[in-house]
Amino acid sequence: MRVAPGGGTAVQDHVALAEIELCGELIIAASASEEDRLSLESIDKVLKVTEDPDPPTP
């Protein structure tokens, strides 16, 4: 059996870690909610999504 060498071989993917953190926040919000599902507004609030007040013109 071969064992991977220890120390410094793991690659951290910061995007993946951020996505995992956001998923965790959604799970916590869903479990704390008294409703069956989170509304779109609740999800946006948890994910700190805001509408762009000045969308770019094409």
PDB file of N, CA and C in Angstrom:
ATOM      1  N   MET A   1       0.843  -1.170   0.000  1.00  0.00           N
ATOM      2  CA  MET A   1       0.000   0.000   0.000  1.00  0.00           C
ATOM      3  C   MET A   1       0.885   1.229   0.000  1.00  0.00           C
ATOM      4  N   ARG A   2       0.536   2.199  -0.868  1.00  0.00           N
ATOM      5  CA  ARG A   2       1.299   3.442  -0.934  1.00  0.00           C
ATOM      6  C   ARG A   2       0.540   4.547  -0.216  1.00  0.00           C
ATOM      7  N   VAL A   3       1.251   5.359   0.494  1.00  0.00           N
ATOM      8  CA  VAL A   3       0.659   6.477   1.229  1.00  0.00           C
ATOM      9  C   VAL A   3       1.213   7.762   0.625  1.00  0.00           C
ATOM     10  N   ALA A   4       0.330   8.725   0.410  1.00  0.00           N
ATOM     11  CA  ALA A   4       0.768  10.011  -0.138  1.00  0.00           C
ATOM     12  C   ALA A   4       1.701  10.692   0.848  1.00  0.00           C
ATOM     13  N   PRO A   5       2.747  11.325   0.349  1.00  0.00           N
ATOM     14  CA  PRO A   5       3.677  12.018   1.248  1.00  0.00           C
ATOM     15  C   PRO A   5       2.971  13.156   1.972  1.00  0.00           C
ATOM     16  N   GLY A   6       3.338  13.397   3.184  1.00  0.00           N
ATOM     17  CA  GLY A   6       2.692  14.429   3.985  1.00  0.00           C
ATOM     18  C   GLY A   6       3.318  15.793   3.788  1.00  0.00           C
ATOM     19  N   GLY A   7       2.541  16.811   4.068  1.00  0.00           N
ATOM     20  CA  GLY A   7       3.057  18.172   4.075  1.00  0.00           C
ATOM     21  C   GLY A   7       3.159  18.842   2.729  1.00  0.00           C
ATOM     22  N   GLY A   8       2.301  19.799   2.499  1.00  0.00           N
ATOM     23  CA  GLY A   8       2.423  20.663   1.341  1.00  0.00           C
ATOM     24  C   GLY A   8       1.975  20.082   0.013  1.00  0.00           C
ATOM     25  N   THR A   9       1.352  18.928   0.009  1.00  0.00           N
ATOM     26  CA  THR A   9       0.943  18.354  -1.273  1.00  0.00           C
ATOM     27  C   THR A   9      -0.498  18.698  -1.634  1.00  0.00           C
ATOM     28  N   ALA A  10      -1.274  19.186  -0.702  1.00  0.00           N
ATOM     29  CA  ALA A  10      -2.671  19.519  -0.962  1.00  0.00           C
ATOM     30  C   ALA A  10      -2.754  20.859  -1.682  1.00  0.00           C
ATOM     31  N   VAL A  11      -3.587  20.906  -2.675  1.00  0.00           N
ATOM     32  CA  VAL A  11      -3.809  22.144  -3.419  1.00  0.00           C
ATOM     33  C   VAL A  11      -5.119  22.749  -2.932  1.00  0.00           C
ATOM     34  N   GLN A  12      -5.083  24.004  -2.570  1.00  0.00           N
ATOM     35  CA  GLN A  12      -6.298  24.665  -2.110  1.00  0.00           C
ATOM     36  C   GLN A  12      -6.937  25.395  -3.271  1.00  0.00           C
ATOM     37  N   ASP A  13      -8.195  25.128  -3.499  1.00  0.00           N
ATOM     38  CA  ASP A  13      -8.959  25.800  -4.526  1.00  0.00           C
ATOM     39  C   ASP A  13      -9.857  26.810  -3.816  1.00  0.00           C
ATOM     40  N   HIS A  14      -9.496  28.065  -3.877  1.00  0.00           N
ATOM     41  CA  HIS A  14     -10.212  29.098  -3.123  1.00  0.00           C
ATOM     42  C   HIS A  14     -11.650  29.264  -3.602  1.00  0.00           C
ATOM     43  N   VAL A  15     -11.897  29.049  -4.878  1.00  0.00           N
ATOM     44  CA  VAL A  15     -13.260  29.148  -5.399  1.00  0.00           C
ATOM     45  C   VAL A  15     -14.114  28.026  -4.816  1.00  0.00           C
ATOM     46  N   ALA A  16     -13.582  26.820  -4.800  1.00  0.00           N
ATOM     47  CA  ALA A  16     -14.321  25.688  -4.242  1.00  0.00           C
ATOM     48  C   ALA A  16     -14.592  25.897  -2.756  1.00  0.00           C
ATOM     49  N   LEU A  17     -13.615  26.404  -2.028  1.00  0.00           N
ATOM     50  CA  LEU A  17     -13.811  26.662  -0.601  1.00  0.00           C
ATOM     51  C   LEU A  17     -14.888  27.717  -0.372  1.00  0.00           C
ATOM     52  N   ALA A  18     -14.925  28.749  -1.217  1.00  0.00           N
ATOM     53  CA  ALA A  18     -15.963  29.778  -1.094  1.00  0.00           C
ATOM     54  C   ALA A  18     -17.339  29.195  -1.384  1.00  0.00           C
ATOM     55  N   GLU A  19     -17.427  28.324  -2.389  1.00  0.00           N
ATOM     56  CA  GLU A  19     -18.706  27.690  -2.719  1.00  0.00           C
ATOM     57  C   GLU A  19     -19.185  26.793  -1.582  1.00  0.00           C
ATOM     58  N   ILE A  20     -18.275  26.080  -0.964  1.00  0.00           N
ATOM     59  CA  ILE A  20     -18.631  25.220   0.163  1.00  0.00           C
ATOM     60  C   ILE A  20     -19.146  26.064   1.321  1.00  0.00           C
ATOM     61  N   GLU A  21     -18.502  27.192   1.574  1.00  0.00           N
ATOM     62  CA  GLU A  21     -18.947  28.085   2.650  1.00  0.00           C
ATOM     63  C   GLU A  21     -20.348  28.626   2.369  1.00  0.00           C
ATOM     64  N   LEU A  22     -20.619  29.019   1.115  1.00  0.00           N
ATOM     65  CA  LEU A  22     -21.945  29.519   0.752  1.00  0.00           C
ATOM     66  C   LEU A  22     -23.000  28.430   0.895  1.00  0.00           C
ATOM     67  N   CYS A  23     -22.665  27.212   0.492  1.00  0.00           N
ATOM     68  CA  CYS A  23     -23.604  26.095   0.652  1.00  0.00           C
ATOM     69  C   CYS A  23     -23.912  25.872   2.131  1.00  0.00           C
ATOM     70  N   GLY A  24     -22.900  25.962   2.953  1.00  0.00           N
ATOM     71  CA  GLY A  24     -23.101  25.816   4.393  1.00  0.00           C
ATOM     72  C   GLY A  24     -24.026  26.882   4.944  1.00  0.00           C
ATOM     73  N   GLU A  25     -23.851  28.120   4.483  1.00  0.00           N
ATOM     74  CA  GLU A  25     -24.727  29.209   4.922  1.00  0.00           C
ATOM     75  C   GLU A  25     -26.170  28.946   4.511  1.00  0.00           C
ATOM     76  N   LEU A  26     -26.365  28.426   3.294  1.00  0.00           N
ATOM     77  CA  LEU A  26     -27.720  28.099   2.834  1.00  0.00           C
ATOM     78  C   LEU A  26     -28.332  26.970   3.659  1.00  0.00           C
ATOM     79  N   ILE A  27     -27.533  25.970   3.989  1.00  0.00           N
ATOM     80  CA  ILE A  27     -28.033  24.860   4.793  1.00  0.00           C
ATOM     81  C   ILE A  27     -28.447  25.341   6.175  1.00  0.00           C
ATOM     82  N   ILE A  28     -27.644  26.202   6.770  1.00  0.00           N
ATOM     83  CA  ILE A  28     -27.980  26.741   8.094  1.00  0.00           C
ATOM     84  C   ILE A  28     -29.265  27.560   8.025  1.00  0.00           C
ATOM     85  N   ALA A  29     -29.391  28.402   6.995  1.00  0.00           N
ATOM     86  CA  ALA A  29     -30.593  29.221   6.848  1.00  0.00           C
ATOM     87  C   ALA A  29     -31.822  28.348   6.618  1.00  0.00           C
ATOM     88  N   ALA A  30     -31.681  27.309   5.809  1.00  0.00           N
ATOM     89  CA  ALA A  30     -32.813  26.426   5.533  1.00  0.00           C
ATOM     90  C   ALA A  30     -33.241  25.667   6.783  1.00  0.00           C
ATOM     91  N   SER A  31     -32.282  25.233   7.579  1.00  0.00           N
ATOM     92  CA  SER A  31     -32.630  24.487   8.790  1.00  0.00           C
ATOM     93  C   SER A  31     -33.253  25.392   9.850  1.00  0.00           C
ATOM     94  N   ALA A  32     -32.927  26.672   9.823  1.00  0.00           N
ATOM     95  CA  ALA A  32     -33.484  27.616  10.798  1.00  0.00           C
ATOM     96  C   ALA A  32     -34.837  28.165  10.350  1.00  0.00           C
ATOM     97  N   SER A  33     -35.167  27.970   9.082  1.00  0.00           N
ATOM     98  CA  SER A  33     -36.405  28.516   8.538  1.00  0.00           C
ATOM     99  C   SER A  33     -37.611  27.721   9.034  1.00  0.00           C
ATOM    100  N   GLU A  34     -38.695  28.425   9.284  1.00  0.00           N
ATOM    101  CA  GLU A  34     -39.919  27.767   9.707  1.00  0.00           C
ATOM    102  C   GLU A  34     -40.748  27.332   8.502  1.00  0.00           C
ATOM    103  N   GLU A  35     -40.367  27.744   7.314  1.00  0.00           N
ATOM    104  CA  GLU A  35     -41.099  27.386   6.104  1.00  0.00           C
ATOM    105  C   GLU A  35     -40.462  26.159   5.465  1.00  0.00           C
ATOM    106  N   ASP A  36     -41.200  25.544   4.528  1.00  0.00           N
ATOM    107  CA  ASP A  36     -40.678  24.352   3.849  1.00  0.00           C
ATOM    108  C   ASP A  36     -39.471  24.674   2.990  1.00  0.00           C
ATOM    109  N   ARG A  37     -39.512  25.815   2.318  1.00  0.00           N
ATOM    110  CA  ARG A  37     -38.431  26.214   1.421  1.00  0.00           C
ATOM    111  C   ARG A  37     -38.071  27.667   1.656  1.00  0.00           C
ATOM    112  N   LEU A  38     -36.834  28.007   1.340  1.00  0.00           N
ATOM    113  CA  LEU A  38     -36.423  29.403   1.401  1.00  0.00           C
ATOM    114  C   LEU A  38     -36.944  30.127   0.172  1.00  0.00           C
ATOM    115  N   SER A  39     -37.407  31.334   0.362  1.00  0.00           N
ATOM    116  CA  SER A  39     -37.836  32.142  -0.775  1.00  0.00           C
ATOM    117  C   SER A  39     -36.601  32.641  -1.522  1.00  0.00           C
ATOM    118  N   LEU A  40     -36.802  33.072  -2.752  1.00  0.00           N
ATOM    119  CA  LEU A  40     -35.688  33.621  -3.520  1.00  0.00           C
ATOM    120  C   LEU A  40     -35.079  34.823  -2.812  1.00  0.00           C
ATOM    121  N   GLU A  41     -35.914  35.617  -2.173  1.00  0.00           N
ATOM    122  CA  GLU A  41     -35.426  36.783  -1.440  1.00  0.00           C
ATOM    123  C   GLU A  41     -34.563  36.352  -0.255  1.00  0.00           C
ATOM    124  N   SER A  42     -34.975  35.290   0.424  1.00  0.00           N
ATOM    125  CA  SER A  42     -34.192  34.786   1.560  1.00  0.00           C
ATOM    126  C   SER A  42     -32.842  34.251   1.100  1.00  0.00           C
ATOM    127  N   ILE A  43     -32.846  33.544  -0.024  1.00  0.00           N
ATOM    128  CA  ILE A  43     -31.599  33.008  -0.566  1.00  0.00           C
ATOM    129  C   ILE A  43     -30.661  34.145  -0.938  1.00  0.00           C
ATOM    130  N   ASP A  44     -31.200  35.176  -1.605  1.00  0.00           N
ATOM    131  CA  ASP A  44     -30.379  36.326  -1.972  1.00  0.00           C
ATOM    132  C   ASP A  44     -29.793  37.001  -0.739  1.00  0.00           C
ATOM    133  N   LYS A  45     -30.598  37.074   0.314  1.00  0.00           N
ATOM    134  CA  LYS A  45     -30.122  37.706   1.550  1.00  0.00           C
ATOM    135  C   LYS A  45     -28.985  36.896   2.176  1.00  0.00           C
ATOM    136  N   VAL A  46     -29.137  35.564   2.212  1.00  0.00           N
ATOM    137  CA  VAL A  46     -28.102  34.701   2.775  1.00  0.00           C
ATOM    138  C   VAL A  46     -26.811  34.809   1.964  1.00  0.00           C
ATOM    139  N   LEU A  47     -26.953  34.837   0.632  1.00  0.00           N
ATOM    140  CA  LEU A  47     -25.785  34.888  -0.239  1.00  0.00           C
ATOM    141  C   LEU A  47     -25.262  36.311  -0.449  1.00  0.00           C
ATOM    142  N   LYS A  48     -25.945  37.277   0.171  1.00  0.00           N
ATOM    143  CA  LYS A  48     -25.571  38.697   0.073  1.00  0.00           C
ATOM    144  C   LYS A  48     -25.548  39.167  -1.378  1.00  0.00           C
ATOM    145  N   VAL A  49     -26.626  38.800  -2.098  1.00  0.00           N
ATOM    146  CA  VAL A  49     -26.785  39.195  -3.495  1.00  0.00           C
ATOM    147  C   VAL A  49     -27.625  40.461  -3.531  1.00  0.00           C
ATOM    148  N   THR A  50     -27.168  41.432  -4.270  1.00  0.00           N
ATOM    149  CA  THR A  50     -27.949  42.649  -4.451  1.00  0.00           C
ATOM    150  C   THR A  50     -28.080  42.926  -5.950  1.00  0.00           C
ATOM    151  N   GLU A  51     -29.154  43.599  -6.293  1.00  0.00           N
ATOM    152  CA  GLU A  51     -29.328  43.969  -7.685  1.00  0.00           C
ATOM    153  C   GLU A  51     -28.382  45.118  -8.024  1.00  0.00           C
ATOM    154  N   ASP A  52     -27.870  45.096  -9.231  1.00  0.00           N
ATOM    155  CA  ASP A  52     -27.004  46.147  -9.700  1.00  0.00           C
ATOM    156  C   ASP A  52     -27.851  47.387  -9.969  1.00  0.00           C
ATOM    157  N   PRO A  53     -27.663  48.468  -9.227  1.00  0.00           N
ATOM    158  CA  PRO A  53     -28.490  49.649  -9.408  1.00  0.00           C
ATOM    159  C   PRO A  53     -28.289  50.306 -10.772  1.00  0.00           C
ATOM    160  N   ASP A  54     -27.137  50.129 -11.365  1.00  0.00           N
ATOM    161  CA  ASP A  54     -26.821  50.748 -12.639  1.00  0.00           C
ATOM    162  C   ASP A  54     -26.274  49.708 -13.607  1.00  0.00           C
ATOM    163  N   PRO A  55     -27.158  48.874 -14.196  1.00  0.00           N
ATOM    164  CA  PRO A  55     -26.631  47.845 -15.093  1.00  0.00           C
ATOM    165  C   PRO A  55     -25.988  48.477 -16.326  1.00  0.00           C
ATOM    166  N   PRO A  56     -24.928  47.861 -16.820  1.00  0.00           N
ATOM    167  CA  PRO A  56     -24.247  48.424 -18.003  1.00  0.00           C
ATOM    168  C   PRO A  56     -25.150  48.377 -19.230  1.00  0.00           C
ATOM    169  N   THR A  57     -25.047  49.382 -20.062  1.00  0.00           N
ATOM    170  CA  THR A  57     -25.841  49.411 -21.288  1.00  0.00           C
ATOM    171  C   THR A  57     -25.047  48.757 -22.403  1.00  0.00           C
ATOM    172  N   PRO A  58     -25.718  47.973 -23.258  1.00  0.00           N
ATOM    173  CA  PRO A  58     -24.988  47.285 -24.325  1.00  0.00           C
ATOM    174  C   PRO A  58     -24.522  48.205 -25.432  1.00  0.00           C
TER     175      PRO A  58
END
